[in-house]
Amino acid sequence: MFRRPRTPALAADPAQVRLGEALAARVTEVTRLTVATAVARGLIDLRSPRFAKQIRDVHNLTSRAIARFLITGEGTTETERNFISRVGIFAARYGLSLTTLSRSYAVWRDANLRVVNEEVHRLGIDQAVGGVARRIIRSSADAGLRRMARAYEYQVCQAEPDQLMEAASR
């Protein structure tokens, strides 16, 4: 059912592994921070708990995937990438704008960058390793957002013919 992760892109050094472990230990905190900030900015409507859970789960998954990559060098699986894409489908179904979806992912990115900076400082990790982690977070945010946007557009295109047929039958 699960496909193998993407091939490791870089060899992890001990400092990178320590940073990955520190991030893994703070995934729940980062997810809570992301949700709290998104709610405060009006990006997530908690009246729709199913959709809010989807976004929270994706943020949690992607934060864990970054920590895993730093520790093992293993990228996301196809199943994980598909799970991330599903948020775009849910966003389109719930009428969330692509702009709001993008902004919520930027909140996730910023929360992870904040935690990386804190952990780099706390652990006394070289800035080069911190730079690798920051690039991975930014790249993950960009890639995840592209996946969600493609799924969003696909869902909107699928819904349009149905809406046209419904309007024509009136």
Protein backbone atom coordinates (compact mmCIF):
# COMPACT_ATOMS: atom_id res chain seq x y z
CA MET A 1 0.00 0.00 0.00
CA PHE A 2 2.74 2.45 0.89
CA ARG A 3 5.36 3.17 -1.69
CA ARG A 4 8.99 3.68 -0.81
CA PRO A 5 9.97 7.25 0.07
CA ARG A 6 11.93 9.30 -2.41
CA THR A 7 15.63 8.55 -2.44
CA PRO A 8 17.60 10.49 0.18
CA ALA A 9 18.85 13.77 -1.25
CA LEU A 10 21.68 14.31 1.20
CA ALA A 11 23.65 12.45 3.81
CA ALA A 12 22.73 13.43 7.35
CA ASP A 13 25.49 14.54 9.67
CA PRO A 14 25.19 14.15 13.47
CA ALA A 15 24.17 17.79 13.99
CA GLN A 16 21.48 17.46 11.36
CA VAL A 17 20.18 14.30 13.04
CA ARG A 18 20.09 16.08 16.44
CA LEU A 19 18.18 18.97 14.88
CA GLY A 20 15.74 16.52 13.25
CA GLU A 21 15.17 14.77 16.58
CA ALA A 22 14.58 18.11 18.30
CA LEU A 23 12.05 19.07 15.62
CA ALA A 24 10.35 15.68 15.88
CA ALA A 25 9.93 16.23 19.62
CA ARG A 26 8.18 19.56 18.94
CA VAL A 27 5.82 18.57 16.09
CA THR A 28 2.73 18.72 18.30
CA GLU A 29 3.73 22.16 19.56
CA VAL A 30 4.34 23.42 16.00
CA THR A 31 0.97 22.05 14.89
CA ARG A 32 -0.82 23.77 17.80
CA LEU A 33 1.03 27.03 17.11
CA THR A 34 0.12 26.84 13.43
CA VAL A 35 -3.56 26.21 14.12
CA ALA A 36 -3.76 28.94 16.77
CA THR A 37 -2.15 31.48 14.45
CA ALA A 38 -4.32 30.45 11.49
CA VAL A 39 -7.47 30.75 13.61
CA ALA A 40 -6.38 34.12 15.01
CA ARG A 41 -5.83 35.40 11.46
CA GLY A 42 -9.19 34.03 10.31
CA LEU A 43 -7.61 31.51 7.93
CA ILE A 44 -9.25 28.41 9.41
CA ASP A 45 -12.90 28.29 10.31
CA LEU A 46 -13.32 25.91 13.21
CA ARG A 47 -17.06 25.72 12.56
CA SER A 48 -16.05 23.21 9.92
CA PRO A 49 -14.24 20.73 12.18
CA ARG A 50 -13.70 18.16 9.44
CA PHE A 51 -11.81 20.63 7.25
CA ALA A 52 -9.90 22.10 10.21
CA LYS A 53 -8.82 18.55 11.09
CA GLN A 54 -7.61 17.96 7.53
CA ILE A 55 -5.42 21.07 7.62
CA ARG A 56 -4.12 20.23 11.10
CA ASP A 57 -3.30 16.68 10.00
CA VAL A 58 -1.43 17.91 6.91
CA HIS A 59 0.58 20.39 8.96
CA ASN A 60 1.42 17.64 11.45
CA LEU A 61 2.39 15.20 8.68
CA THR A 62 4.61 17.67 6.85
CA SER A 63 6.39 18.73 10.05
CA ARG A 64 7.04 15.07 10.87
CA ALA A 65 8.27 14.47 7.32
CA ILE A 66 10.79 17.29 7.64
CA ALA A 67 12.09 15.90 10.92
CA ARG A 68 12.30 12.43 9.37
CA PHE A 69 14.19 13.79 6.38
CA LEU A 70 16.72 15.50 8.62
CA ILE A 71 17.22 12.30 10.61
CA THR A 72 17.16 9.67 7.85
CA GLY A 73 17.31 11.51 4.54
CA GLU A 74 14.04 9.82 3.51
CA GLY A 75 11.57 11.98 1.64
CA THR A 76 7.80 11.73 1.60
CA THR A 77 6.01 8.70 0.26
CA GLU A 78 3.51 8.88 -2.57
CA THR A 79 0.75 8.21 -0.04
CA GLU A 80 1.88 11.18 2.05
CA ARG A 81 2.05 13.43 -1.01
CA ASN A 82 -1.46 12.36 -2.02
CA PHE A 83 -2.72 13.06 1.49
CA ILE A 84 -1.30 16.59 1.26
CA SER A 85 -3.02 17.11 -2.09
CA ARG A 86 -6.40 16.17 -0.62
CA VAL A 87 -6.46 19.40 1.36
CA GLY A 88 -6.76 21.26 -1.94
CA ILE A 89 -9.81 19.18 -2.82
CA PHE A 90 -11.39 19.84 0.59
CA ALA A 91 -10.61 23.56 0.32
CA ALA A 92 -12.38 23.78 -3.04
CA ARG A 93 -15.38 21.83 -1.72
CA TYR A 94 -15.68 24.05 1.36
CA GLY A 95 -15.33 27.24 -0.69
CA LEU A 96 -12.02 28.27 0.85
CA SER A 97 -10.09 30.57 -1.45
CA LEU A 98 -6.72 29.54 -2.82
CA THR A 99 -5.30 32.71 -1.25
CA THR A 100 -6.48 31.66 2.20
CA LEU A 101 -5.10 28.16 1.67
CA SER A 102 -1.74 29.67 0.65
CA ARG A 103 -1.68 31.94 3.66
CA SER A 104 -2.40 29.04 6.02
CA TYR A 105 0.54 27.15 4.54
CA ALA A 106 2.75 30.23 5.03
CA VAL A 107 1.72 30.20 8.70
CA TRP A 108 2.84 26.55 8.89
CA ARG A 109 6.15 27.43 7.21
CA ASP A 110 6.80 30.33 9.57
CA ALA A 111 6.00 28.27 12.67
CA ASN A 112 8.47 25.59 11.58
CA LEU A 113 11.14 28.17 10.76
CA ARG A 114 10.67 29.70 14.19
CA VAL A 115 11.13 26.33 15.91
CA VAL A 116 14.17 25.50 13.76
CA ASN A 117 15.77 28.81 14.73
CA GLU A 118 15.06 28.16 18.41
CA GLU A 119 16.49 24.63 18.23
CA VAL A 120 19.58 25.68 16.25
CA HIS A 121 20.29 28.24 18.96
CA ARG A 122 19.42 25.93 21.88
CA LEU A 123 21.52 23.03 20.55
CA GLY A 124 24.40 25.23 19.39
CA ILE A 125 24.10 23.82 15.87
CA ASP A 126 26.15 25.27 13.05
CA GLN A 127 24.25 27.79 10.91
CA ALA A 128 25.02 25.74 7.79
CA VAL A 129 22.95 22.86 9.19
CA GLY A 130 20.26 25.32 10.22
CA GLY A 131 20.32 26.68 6.68
CA VAL A 132 19.73 23.18 5.28
CA ALA A 133 16.72 22.75 7.58
CA ARG A 134 15.33 26.16 6.61
CA ARG A 135 15.66 25.36 2.89
CA ILE A 136 13.90 22.02 3.42
CA ILE A 137 11.03 23.74 5.23
CA ARG A 138 10.65 26.39 2.52
CA SER A 139 10.90 23.78 -0.22
CA SER A 140 8.34 21.56 1.52
CA ALA A 141 5.97 24.49 1.91
CA ASP A 142 6.31 25.37 -1.77
CA ALA A 143 5.90 21.78 -2.95
CA GLY A 144 2.95 21.12 -0.64
CA LEU A 145 1.24 24.28 -1.74
CA ARG A 146 1.74 23.40 -5.41
CA ARG A 147 0.18 19.97 -4.78
CA MET A 148 -2.77 21.48 -2.96
CA ALA A 149 -3.25 24.15 -5.63
CA ARG A 150 -3.28 21.55 -8.42
CA ALA A 151 -5.81 19.46 -6.49
CA TYR A 152 -7.86 22.60 -5.79
CA GLU A 153 -7.93 23.54 -9.48
CA TYR A 154 -8.79 19.98 -10.46
CA GLN A 155 -11.71 19.96 -8.01
CA VAL A 156 -12.97 23.33 -9.26
CA CYS A 157 -12.80 22.11 -12.87
CA GLN A 158 -14.68 18.93 -11.93
CA ALA A 159 -17.38 20.93 -10.15
CA GLU A 160 -17.95 23.39 -13.01
CA PRO A 161 -19.52 20.90 -15.46
CA ASP A 162 -21.84 19.67 -12.69
CA GLN A 163 -22.91 23.23 -11.91
CA LEU A 164 -23.50 23.96 -15.61
CA MET A 165 -25.63 20.83 -15.99
CA GLU A 166 -27.60 21.73 -12.87
CA ALA A 167 -28.21 25.27 -14.13
CA ALA A 168 -29.26 23.97 -17.57
CA SER A 169 -31.82 21.64 -16.04
CA ARG A 170 -33.59 24.50 -14.26
